[in-house]
Every structure is written in C-alpha cells, then in structure tokens.
Amino acid sequence: MMETSVTIETGTKIGIVDLGSNSFRLLLGEYHRGTWKNQPKQLWTTRLGQRDDRGQLTEEAIARGLEALQEIHRVMDEYGATVRIGLATSAIREAGNGKDFLERAQQVCPMEYRILSGEEEATFGFRGATVYEAPDFHYATIDVGGGSTEIAVGNDGQVYGAKSYPAGAVRMQSLSLEGPQRVWEETAPMWEPLPIEGQFGEFIAIGGTATTLAAIDLKMETYDPAQIQGHRLDRGTIEAMILQLRYMSREERLQVPGLQPGRVDIIVPGAEIITSLMDTYQIGSIVISESDGLEGWQSQYGGR
C-alpha cells in the first residue's frame, strides 16, 4: 500500500482527482483541527474508458480527459489547493497508452499522479466508506465503476480482502443492450467467495452507480449528499428501476429525477452488475455511502 510523506497542518488545502472510466471527480478539502472540511464533489463526464480495438485510449477520449483536467486545474487554483493528487484507475491502468495520457495530463494539470492497482482501489474505497454500525462488525464494500468493480472486506481496523473485477458500467454497456440477462450471464461466474472473518454487518455500495440509484429512488431533483449517505436499497427496488429504465428512450431517461445526463446510457448495466452481485452473495439490501475512495485516500493524511 502506498503511503504519503506530505506534511499536513491546519489550513492545508487538498485536491484529489479520481480519473475514472466514465467521469473525473474532484474532492476539495481543508484540514482544520484534526478533521477535513470537504466541499461537495465535482464531476466531469469524460468516458475515458471507451477504448479502440487495440485497447488504446482513443484520441477523442484523451481530448475529453485533457479538457476536463484543464477545468479541474483552474478549479484547484481558485480553491488554493497546495496538495494535489490524481488517482488513475482501470481506464488508464489497462490501456496501452495510459502512461502517455498521464504525461500529457501533467502538462495541463500538474499534480502527483498515481496509477492504483485494482486491489488498492478496492482498499481505499473501503477506507472511505463511513456507514458502520459498530467497530466489531465486518463489512463488504461494492464499487461499480465505469471499467471495473471493486469488492473489499474488513472491519474498523483493517481491510483483509480486496479484489477488482473487469466488469464496469461502461465496459458492460454494449453487452447490456443485447438483452436483460446478458450482464448477469457474463458477470455471475466472476464473483469469488468473500473471505469474511467475523460477525457480518452490511454490504456498503459506493461510487456513481450506487449513488445514482439512491438519487433516483429518492426522486432527487437536486443532488444532496446528506440524503444519499446511509440510504438503503433492497434487491426488488433496484430490479424495478432496471425494468423501468431499460425500456425508456434516452429522452425519457433525461426526465427521471436523480439520473444525471452523464449516466443515462450506463445506469442500467451498472445496476445489473449490482443485482448480479446481490444474487451471488444472497444480499437482500445494500446501504449507500457517499464517501468513497477519494475520502479513503484523503484519510492517509490524517483526520476524517
């Protein structure tokens, strides 16, 4: 696990960017008296994970990513962030030209870029999730991203199991269009047994697919992280949303409260991945955490 040697003191401002397959997300926060005072996360839809037949990031995707980073650089400058970290995930770590993209990214948005392994991505997601009943319970986090899905298990003291799977909402988009069972058929054989070592508490879902499903369930006209945090979704509720959304046109989906424009065409495959996991592990319901790997990485610097 990578550690940081950066010194954090009161007044330090940080900017952490998640360079995801579907979107880039920015967390801004200021350290004050042992805790982080964070701003609402900001998001840019880039679809960086859409690669060509050779597995390379396309020039179109690269251009969208660099354009977003130019804007992110401006936002961090205006905020006054002195510590700046970019976390590259499956889109960049799997692409043959992923490192080339980061070299170009460094020119438009200078910061410390890290390419996370799938296991590291899962671990930081677990650390960032904050829906815990008691420190003695064991939990599992599920993070359905654009290019991959991460699962981690552990308790308040440690993460002792972390795994990344090549199943994401963008990656499974075309497969989902083939039929309502195709994502389930593709993903169900992937999931491995969970090495849970103690009394189990909850399955906690993090990331954009989970928070979007919660926002839809809440019919949220304006996104409110406080309402998302701790919201519970059962298997039947998610399946009902899939059935409703699958047969809507794009224009109809754009009218659904809680469904952001950048997710209208990938929310169904993302939700289908979640229900595949729920069926495999016999999960009746999941709890949503708005806090995720961004906060998990931030926690390395102290505070919460």
Foldseek 3Di string as FASTA:
>chain_A
DDFDPDAADFQAKEWEWEPFQFKIKIWIWGDHPFATDIDPIDIDGQNQQDPDPVQARDPSSLVSVLVVLLVVQVVCVVVVHPAYEYEYEDSLVRHPCSVVSVVVSCVRHNHHYDYDDQQRQQQLFVLFFDPDDDQQAKEKEWEATAQWIKIWIDGPPDIDDIDIGRAHLNVCLVQCLVDPCRLLVVCLVPDDDDPHDDHHDFYEYEYDLQLLLQQLVVLAQDDDLVSLAFDKDFLVSLVVVLVVLVPDDLVVLVPRRSHDNSCSRRSNSSSSNVSSVCVNVVPGMYTYGHTGSVSSSVCSNGHD
